[in-house]
Each structure stands twice: as C-alpha cells, then as structure tokens.
Amino acid sequence: MDNLPKQDLRKEMLEKRSSLTAEYKKEAAEKIAAYIADVINTKNADRVLVLSFAAYNNEPDTELICDIITDMCEYSIDFAYPKVSDNNEDMEFYLSDYTELVVGYKGIREPDSENAEHIDAPLIAEEYDYILILLPGLAFDKRGYRAGYGGGFYDRFLARAKDLDCDSIGICYDFQYLPEDNICTDEYDMACDYIVTDERIVKGEIL
C-alpha cells in the first residue's frame, strides 16, 4: 500500500478526466445518480436537502445527476449549491436551481447570492429529515479521504458541519477511487462517509 501525494494525484486524474468521451460521462452520471437515489430512498425522509456542487473540469455531471435523483426519489428534495466568499477563503450554500447558477470563482457556476436563499446550518436541521452533502474530488481512498483542488473549502465546511446530522458522499469516476492506496492527509483533512462511482458505492472506513 502506497501513501500517494495529492499533487501527483491531481495531475494524473486531471489528465485522465480530460480524455473522457461525452457518452462515457453521461452513462457514468446516470449510474452515480442511481446509487445516490438508492441511499436517499432508504432514509424514510419526507423532506430531503442535497448540498450539491456545479460540475467543473470534466467532473461527473451534477446537473444530470440531480435531475435523475429528483425523478427516482420518493421524497421532496431541495438542492443547494456552494458560493465562495468574497475573500476567497470560505464558502456557503444557497438554495438554488442549477439553471439559475451564474459563473463565479475560477469560472465555476455558483448561486447568485442576491436572488438565492442562504442555508443556515442550525435551521436546516429542523426543516429537513435528511441532509446529504455531495463532494467533488480528484481522487478518493477507501478511508473516505479525498484529494481536491487544494483550496480546502470542503474540509473547512465539513469541519463546521460536523455536528449536523448528515451524510457526505464523494462522487467520482471509478478510476478515481483508490481501493489499495492511501492519499496523504494532514490534520485538516475530513473524510467522507461514502464514495460513489459509476461502478460501486463504498462506505468510508473512517466515520
């Protein structure tokens, strides 16, 4: 078992993702969505909140994934998306339809904070029966740790939300899941509860 440096993984996975065909990406998104819908449907929750993200740089198509989740789930689902703060050091979530997102930080689509409702963590725990956070990443290991883009936004958000009763799911293509190796981590890295790819759903070993 190797301990893989994040920087090496970022370069390798970005290169692999850049070669994916449109057909492969569409089929992968459909399979990922089906796995996530299965998770939601086991929760017996009347109101569900999914904290998603806008796909960037050949990530799994979260617009398609969220549309399929809506169709496959038996419950009422709201979606929220992250917006990076003005100082580029933090992010907050806003309720929004994907079609209403605007181009923001580093060209990534994000909510228009003037026209979207900000998510207040203590309050959403009272409003929703089940909360799910979808995490982007360039690689995930079997423990649930991820290699992101290096900004630390999701690790900081997960640290703040650790008292929130929710599940976190890292989504990626199957080649981005590393069942035999560990990603190098530091004290600030937060593990996700599950990893979902187009071929499998895995429960993280660190919960």
C-alpha atoms as a PDB file:
ATOM      1  CA  MET A   1       0.000   0.000   0.000  1.00  0.00           C
ATOM      2  CA  ASP A   2       1.350   3.407  -1.007  1.00  0.00           C
ATOM      3  CA  ASN A   3       0.757   6.827   0.532  1.00  0.00           C
ATOM      4  CA  LEU A   4       0.104   8.957  -2.526  1.00  0.00           C
ATOM      5  CA  PRO A   5       0.941  12.698  -2.603  1.00  0.00           C
ATOM      6  CA  LYS A   6      -2.054  14.823  -3.539  1.00  0.00           C
ATOM      7  CA  GLN A   7      -0.163  16.890  -6.100  1.00  0.00           C
ATOM      8  CA  ASP A   8       0.794  13.806  -8.106  1.00  0.00           C
ATOM      9  CA  LEU A   9      -2.776  12.530  -7.970  1.00  0.00           C
ATOM     10  CA  ARG A  10      -4.189  15.859  -9.135  1.00  0.00           C
ATOM     11  CA  LYS A  11      -2.058  15.870 -12.260  1.00  0.00           C
ATOM     12  CA  GLU A  12      -2.760  12.213 -13.080  1.00  0.00           C
ATOM     13  CA  MET A  13      -6.514  12.407 -12.585  1.00  0.00           C
ATOM     14  CA  LEU A  14      -6.932  15.682 -14.453  1.00  0.00           C
ATOM     15  CA  GLU A  15      -5.193  14.119 -17.443  1.00  0.00           C
ATOM     16  CA  LYS A  16      -7.381  11.014 -17.298  1.00  0.00           C
ATOM     17  CA  ARG A  17     -10.590  13.026 -16.966  1.00  0.00           C
ATOM     18  CA  SER A  18      -9.691  15.205 -19.932  1.00  0.00           C
ATOM     19  CA  SER A  19      -9.785  12.154 -22.214  1.00  0.00           C
ATOM     20  CA  LEU A  20     -13.305  11.001 -21.303  1.00  0.00           C
ATOM     21  CA  THR A  21     -15.935  10.865 -24.030  1.00  0.00           C
ATOM     22  CA  ALA A  22     -19.307  12.578 -23.731  1.00  0.00           C
ATOM     23  CA  GLU A  23     -21.030   9.185 -23.901  1.00  0.00           C
ATOM     24  CA  TYR A  24     -18.944   7.787 -21.035  1.00  0.00           C
ATOM     25  CA  LYS A  25     -19.579  10.851 -18.861  1.00  0.00           C
ATOM     26  CA  LYS A  26     -23.340  10.679 -19.453  1.00  0.00           C
ATOM     27  CA  GLU A  27     -23.524   6.967 -18.621  1.00  0.00           C
ATOM     28  CA  ALA A  28     -21.353   7.480 -15.537  1.00  0.00           C
ATOM     29  CA  ALA A  29     -23.578  10.295 -14.259  1.00  0.00           C
ATOM     30  CA  GLU A  30     -26.670   8.126 -14.705  1.00  0.00           C
ATOM     31  CA  LYS A  31     -25.123   5.270 -12.709  1.00  0.00           C
ATOM     32  CA  ILE A  32     -23.862   7.586  -9.961  1.00  0.00           C
ATOM     33  CA  ALA A  33     -27.317   9.141  -9.659  1.00  0.00           C
ATOM     34  CA  ALA A  34     -28.957   5.725  -9.293  1.00  0.00           C
ATOM     35  CA  TYR A  35     -26.650   4.824  -6.402  1.00  0.00           C
ATOM     36  CA  ILE A  36     -27.335   8.128  -4.648  1.00  0.00           C
ATOM     37  CA  ALA A  37     -31.096   7.768  -5.143  1.00  0.00           C
ATOM     38  CA  ASP A  38     -30.909   4.332  -3.529  1.00  0.00           C
ATOM     39  CA  VAL A  39     -29.215   5.861  -0.480  1.00  0.00           C
ATOM     40  CA  ILE A  40     -31.871   8.568  -0.170  1.00  0.00           C
ATOM     41  CA  ASN A  41     -34.760   6.140  -0.618  1.00  0.00           C
ATOM     42  CA  THR A  42     -33.614   4.071   2.368  1.00  0.00           C
ATOM     43  CA  LYS A  43     -33.885   7.029   4.741  1.00  0.00           C
ATOM     44  CA  ASN A  44     -37.680   7.260   5.002  1.00  0.00           C
ATOM     45  CA  ALA A  45     -37.450  11.057   4.988  1.00  0.00           C
ATOM     46  CA  ASP A  46     -40.297  13.322   3.894  1.00  0.00           C
ATOM     47  CA  ARG A  47     -38.047  16.317   3.232  1.00  0.00           C
ATOM     48  CA  VAL A  48     -34.535  15.925   1.865  1.00  0.00           C
ATOM     49  CA  LEU A  49     -31.831  18.526   1.287  1.00  0.00           C
ATOM     50  CA  VAL A  50     -28.956  17.763  -1.071  1.00  0.00           C
ATOM     51  CA  LEU A  51     -25.948  20.078  -0.855  1.00  0.00           C
ATOM     52  CA  SER A  52     -24.567  19.572  -4.344  1.00  0.00           C
ATOM     53  CA  PHE A  53     -21.960  21.357  -6.469  1.00  0.00           C
ATOM     54  CA  ALA A  54     -21.680  22.565 -10.045  1.00  0.00           C
ATOM     55  CA  ALA A  55     -19.555  20.182 -12.104  1.00  0.00           C
ATOM     56  CA  TYR A  56     -16.266  21.656 -13.298  1.00  0.00           C
ATOM     57  CA  ASN A  57     -13.405  20.457 -15.461  1.00  0.00           C
ATOM     58  CA  ASN A  58     -14.953  17.122 -16.544  1.00  0.00           C
ATOM     59  CA  GLU A  59     -16.338  16.209 -13.127  1.00  0.00           C
ATOM     60  CA  PRO A  60     -19.443  13.971 -13.093  1.00  0.00           C
ATOM     61  CA  ASP A  61     -22.393  15.963 -14.450  1.00  0.00           C
ATOM     62  CA  THR A  62     -24.179  17.093 -11.301  1.00  0.00           C
ATOM     63  CA  GLU A  63     -26.976  18.811 -13.236  1.00  0.00           C
ATOM     64  CA  LEU A  64     -27.926  15.462 -14.778  1.00  0.00           C
ATOM     65  CA  ILE A  65     -27.291  13.622 -11.501  1.00  0.00           C
ATOM     66  CA  CYS A  66     -29.621  15.906  -9.544  1.00  0.00           C
ATOM     67  CA  ASP A  67     -32.325  15.688 -12.231  1.00  0.00           C
ATOM     68  CA  ILE A  68     -32.214  11.883 -12.081  1.00  0.00           C
ATOM     69  CA  ILE A  69     -32.218  11.877  -8.277  1.00  0.00           C
ATOM     70  CA  THR A  70     -35.368  14.008  -8.343  1.00  0.00           C
ATOM     71  CA  ASP A  71     -37.080  11.581 -10.723  1.00  0.00           C
ATOM     72  CA  MET A  72     -36.010   8.430  -8.854  1.00  0.00           C
ATOM     73  CA  CYS A  73     -36.650   9.506  -5.278  1.00  0.00           C
ATOM     74  CA  GLU A  74     -39.935   9.152  -3.462  1.00  0.00           C
ATOM     75  CA  TYR A  75     -39.495  12.284  -1.371  1.00  0.00           C
ATOM     76  CA  SER A  76     -39.492  16.054  -1.686  1.00  0.00           C
ATOM     77  CA  ILE A  77     -35.930  17.186  -2.435  1.00  0.00           C
ATOM     78  CA  ASP A  78     -34.377  20.650  -2.328  1.00  0.00           C
ATOM     79  CA  PHE A  79     -30.947  21.374  -3.769  1.00  0.00           C
ATOM     80  CA  ALA A  80     -28.339  23.877  -2.633  1.00  0.00           C
ATOM     81  CA  TYR A  81     -25.010  24.865  -4.183  1.00  0.00           C
ATOM     82  CA  PRO A  82     -21.859  26.457  -2.768  1.00  0.00           C
ATOM     83  CA  LYS A  83     -20.680  30.001  -3.289  1.00  0.00           C
ATOM     84  CA  VAL A  84     -17.140  31.075  -2.444  1.00  0.00           C
ATOM     85  CA  SER A  85     -16.938  34.114  -0.165  1.00  0.00           C
ATOM     86  CA  ASP A  86     -15.642  37.463  -1.386  1.00  0.00           C
ATOM     87  CA  ASN A  87     -12.293  36.897   0.339  1.00  0.00           C
ATOM     88  CA  ASN A  88     -11.923  33.511  -1.452  1.00  0.00           C
ATOM     89  CA  GLU A  89     -11.304  31.753   1.870  1.00  0.00           C
ATOM     90  CA  ASP A  90     -14.641  30.125   2.661  1.00  0.00           C
ATOM     91  CA  MET A  91     -17.893  29.007   1.083  1.00  0.00           C
ATOM     92  CA  GLU A  92     -21.574  28.984   1.977  1.00  0.00           C
ATOM     93  CA  PHE A  93     -24.527  27.119   0.485  1.00  0.00           C
ATOM     94  CA  TYR A  94     -27.629  28.667  -1.091  1.00  0.00           C
ATOM     95  CA  LEU A  95     -30.867  27.060  -2.217  1.00  0.00           C
ATOM     96  CA  SER A  96     -30.935  27.293  -5.994  1.00  0.00           C
ATOM     97  CA  ASP A  97     -31.964  25.550  -9.169  1.00  0.00           C
ATOM     98  CA  TYR A  98     -28.983  24.522 -11.291  1.00  0.00           C
ATOM     99  CA  THR A  99     -30.271  26.587 -14.220  1.00  0.00           C
ATOM    100  CA  GLU A 100     -30.087  29.735 -12.073  1.00  0.00           C
ATOM    101  CA  LEU A 101     -26.394  29.381 -11.223  1.00  0.00           C
ATOM    102  CA  VAL A 102     -24.002  32.042 -12.523  1.00  0.00           C
ATOM    103  CA  VAL A 103     -20.300  31.936 -13.349  1.00  0.00           C
ATOM    104  CA  GLY A 104     -18.236  32.674 -10.245  1.00  0.00           C
ATOM    105  CA  TYR A 105     -14.967  31.730  -8.545  1.00  0.00           C
ATOM    106  CA  LYS A 106     -12.446  30.319 -11.052  1.00  0.00           C
ATOM    107  CA  GLY A 107     -15.176  30.029 -13.662  1.00  0.00           C
ATOM    108  CA  ILE A 108     -17.246  27.593 -11.581  1.00  0.00           C
ATOM    109  CA  ARG A 109     -21.009  28.088 -11.590  1.00  0.00           C
ATOM    110  CA  GLU A 110     -22.430  29.177  -8.233  1.00  0.00           C
ATOM    111  CA  PRO A 111     -25.630  30.697  -6.806  1.00  0.00           C
ATOM    112  CA  ASP A 112     -26.461  34.357  -7.229  1.00  0.00           C
ATOM    113  CA  SER A 113     -26.427  35.335  -3.552  1.00  0.00           C
ATOM    114  CA  GLU A 114     -28.745  38.289  -4.204  1.00  0.00           C
ATOM    115  CA  ASN A 115     -31.511  36.034  -5.518  1.00  0.00           C
ATOM    116  CA  ALA A 116     -30.927  32.758  -3.642  1.00  0.00           C
ATOM    117  CA  GLU A 117     -31.730  31.774  -0.058  1.00  0.00           C
ATOM    118  CA  HIS A 118     -28.725  31.278   2.199  1.00  0.00           C
ATOM    119  CA  ILE A 119     -28.570  27.977   4.104  1.00  0.00           C
ATOM    120  CA  ASP A 120     -28.311  28.397   7.872  1.00  0.00           C
ATOM    121  CA  ALA A 121     -26.971  25.132   9.314  1.00  0.00           C
ATOM    122  CA  PRO A 122     -28.802  25.176  12.685  1.00  0.00           C
ATOM    123  CA  LEU A 123     -32.115  25.940  10.991  1.00  0.00           C
ATOM    124  CA  ILE A 124     -31.895  23.375   8.205  1.00  0.00           C
ATOM    125  CA  ALA A 125     -31.510  20.621  10.777  1.00  0.00           C
ATOM    126  CA  GLU A 126     -35.051  21.471  11.892  1.00  0.00           C
ATOM    127  CA  GLU A 127     -36.504  21.844   8.393  1.00  0.00           C
ATOM    128  CA  TYR A 128     -35.223  18.627   6.781  1.00  0.00           C
ATOM    129  CA  ASP A 129     -35.449  14.979   7.743  1.00  0.00           C
ATOM    130  CA  TYR A 130     -32.307  14.009   5.842  1.00  0.00           C
ATOM    131  CA  ILE A 131     -29.351  16.070   4.611  1.00  0.00           C
ATOM    132  CA  LEU A 132     -26.818  14.833   2.079  1.00  0.00           C
ATOM    133  CA  ILE A 133     -23.595  16.563   1.014  1.00  0.00           C
ATOM    134  CA  LEU A 134     -22.101  15.679  -2.384  1.00  0.00           C
ATOM    135  CA  LEU A 135     -18.338  16.213  -2.516  1.00  0.00           C
ATOM    136  CA  PRO A 136     -16.192  16.739  -5.606  1.00  0.00           C
ATOM    137  CA  GLY A 137     -12.672  15.367  -5.737  1.00  0.00           C
ATOM    138  CA  LEU A 138      -9.857  14.260  -7.984  1.00  0.00           C
ATOM    139  CA  ALA A 139      -9.254  11.036  -6.045  1.00  0.00           C
ATOM    140  CA  PHE A 140     -10.711   9.162  -3.064  1.00  0.00           C
ATOM    141  CA  ASP A 141      -9.238   6.379  -0.954  1.00  0.00           C
ATOM    142  CA  LYS A 142     -11.047   3.579   0.891  1.00  0.00           C
ATOM    143  CA  ARG A 143     -10.952   5.520   4.164  1.00  0.00           C
ATOM    144  CA  GLY A 144     -13.036   8.285   2.607  1.00  0.00           C
ATOM    145  CA  TYR A 145     -10.239  10.842   2.299  1.00  0.00           C
ATOM    146  CA  ARG A 146     -10.063  12.876  -0.879  1.00  0.00           C
ATOM    147  CA  ALA A 147      -7.662  14.853  -2.985  1.00  0.00           C
ATOM    148  CA  GLY A 148      -9.409  18.043  -4.046  1.00  0.00           C
ATOM    149  CA  TYR A 149      -8.030  21.037  -5.887  1.00  0.00           C
ATOM    150  CA  GLY A 150      -6.087  22.320  -2.890  1.00  0.00           C
ATOM    151  CA  GLY A 151      -8.341  25.158  -1.744  1.00  0.00           C
ATOM    152  CA  GLY A 152      -9.551  23.425   1.417  1.00  0.00           C
ATOM    153  CA  PHE A 153     -13.095  24.769   1.041  1.00  0.00           C
ATOM    154  CA  TYR A 154     -14.863  21.451   1.618  1.00  0.00           C
ATOM    155  CA  ASP A 155     -12.641  20.393   4.510  1.00  0.00           C
ATOM    156  CA  ARG A 156     -13.410  23.650   6.300  1.00  0.00           C
ATOM    157  CA  PHE A 157     -17.124  23.333   5.565  1.00  0.00           C
ATOM    158  CA  LEU A 158     -17.248  19.719   6.777  1.00  0.00           C
ATOM    159  CA  ALA A 159     -15.424  20.714   9.956  1.00  0.00           C
ATOM    160  CA  ARG A 160     -18.060  23.390  10.619  1.00  0.00           C
ATOM    161  CA  ALA A 161     -20.894  20.990   9.796  1.00  0.00           C
ATOM    162  CA  LYS A 162     -19.623  18.058  11.858  1.00  0.00           C
ATOM    163  CA  ASP A 163     -22.433  18.473  14.402  1.00  0.00           C
ATOM    164  CA  LEU A 164     -25.034  18.466  11.623  1.00  0.00           C
ATOM    165  CA  ASP A 165     -26.775  15.102  11.249  1.00  0.00           C
ATOM    166  CA  CYS A 166     -25.989  14.417   7.612  1.00  0.00           C
ATOM    167  CA  ASP A 167     -24.195  12.054   5.247  1.00  0.00           C
ATOM    168  CA  SER A 168     -21.350  13.080   2.953  1.00  0.00           C
ATOM    169  CA  ILE A 169     -20.805  11.311  -0.366  1.00  0.00           C
ATOM    170  CA  GLY A 170     -17.753  11.801  -2.544  1.00  0.00           C
ATOM    171  CA  ILE A 171     -18.646  11.293  -6.202  1.00  0.00           C
ATOM    172  CA  CYS A 172     -16.170  10.424  -8.928  1.00  0.00           C
ATOM    173  CA  TYR A 173     -15.461   8.132 -11.863  1.00  0.00           C
ATOM    174  CA  ASP A 174     -14.397   4.651 -10.875  1.00  0.00           C
ATOM    175  CA  PHE A 175     -10.758   5.149 -11.903  1.00  0.00           C
ATOM    176  CA  GLN A 176     -10.557   7.952  -9.329  1.00  0.00           C
ATOM    177  CA  TYR A 177     -11.291   5.557  -6.470  1.00  0.00           C
ATOM    178  CA  LEU A 178      -8.126   4.061  -4.952  1.00  0.00           C
ATOM    179  CA  PRO A 179      -9.038   0.896  -3.009  1.00  0.00           C
ATOM    180  CA  GLU A 180      -5.447  -0.225  -2.433  1.00  0.00           C
ATOM    181  CA  ASP A 181      -3.682   3.044  -1.614  1.00  0.00           C
ATOM    182  CA  ASN A 182      -3.962   5.883   0.880  1.00  0.00           C
ATOM    183  CA  ILE A 183      -3.998   9.556  -0.005  1.00  0.00           C
ATOM    184  CA  CYS A 184      -1.548  11.607   2.066  1.00  0.00           C
ATOM    185  CA  THR A 185      -3.504  13.628   4.619  1.00  0.00           C
ATOM    186  CA  ASP A 186      -2.961  16.261   7.270  1.00  0.00           C
ATOM    187  CA  GLU A 187      -4.835  17.242  10.417  1.00  0.00           C
ATOM    188  CA  TYR A 188      -7.287  19.427   8.492  1.00  0.00           C
ATOM    189  CA  ASP A 189      -8.486  16.766   6.038  1.00  0.00           C
ATOM    190  CA  MET A 190     -12.020  15.465   6.586  1.00  0.00           C
ATOM    191  CA  ALA A 191     -13.136  12.019   5.403  1.00  0.00           C
ATOM    192  CA  CYS A 192     -16.478  11.476   3.680  1.00  0.00           C
ATOM    193  CA  ASP A 193     -18.983   8.821   4.739  1.00  0.00           C
ATOM    194  CA  TYR A 194     -19.360   7.185   1.327  1.00  0.00           C
ATOM    195  CA  ILE A 195     -17.701   7.159  -2.078  1.00  0.00           C
ATOM    196  CA  VAL A 196     -19.966   6.664  -5.091  1.00  0.00           C
ATOM    197  CA  THR A 197     -18.571   5.933  -8.545  1.00  0.00           C
ATOM    198  CA  ASP A 198     -20.179   4.713 -11.741  1.00  0.00           C
ATOM    199  CA  GLU A 199     -19.352   1.148 -10.662  1.00  0.00           C
ATOM    200  CA  ARG A 200     -19.775   0.990  -6.878  1.00  0.00           C
ATOM    201  CA  ILE A 201     -20.769   2.557  -3.599  1.00  0.00           C
ATOM    202  CA  VAL A 202     -18.255   2.250  -0.772  1.00  0.00           C
ATOM    203  CA  LYS A 203     -18.607   3.117   2.898  1.00  0.00           C
ATOM    204  CA  GLY A 204     -15.609   5.068   4.141  1.00  0.00           C
ATOM    205  CA  GLU A 205     -13.586   3.291   6.789  1.00  0.00           C
ATOM    206  CA  ILE A 206     -13.248   6.411   8.962  1.00  0.00           C
ATOM    207  CA  LEU A 207     -16.613   7.535  10.320  1.00  0.00           C
END
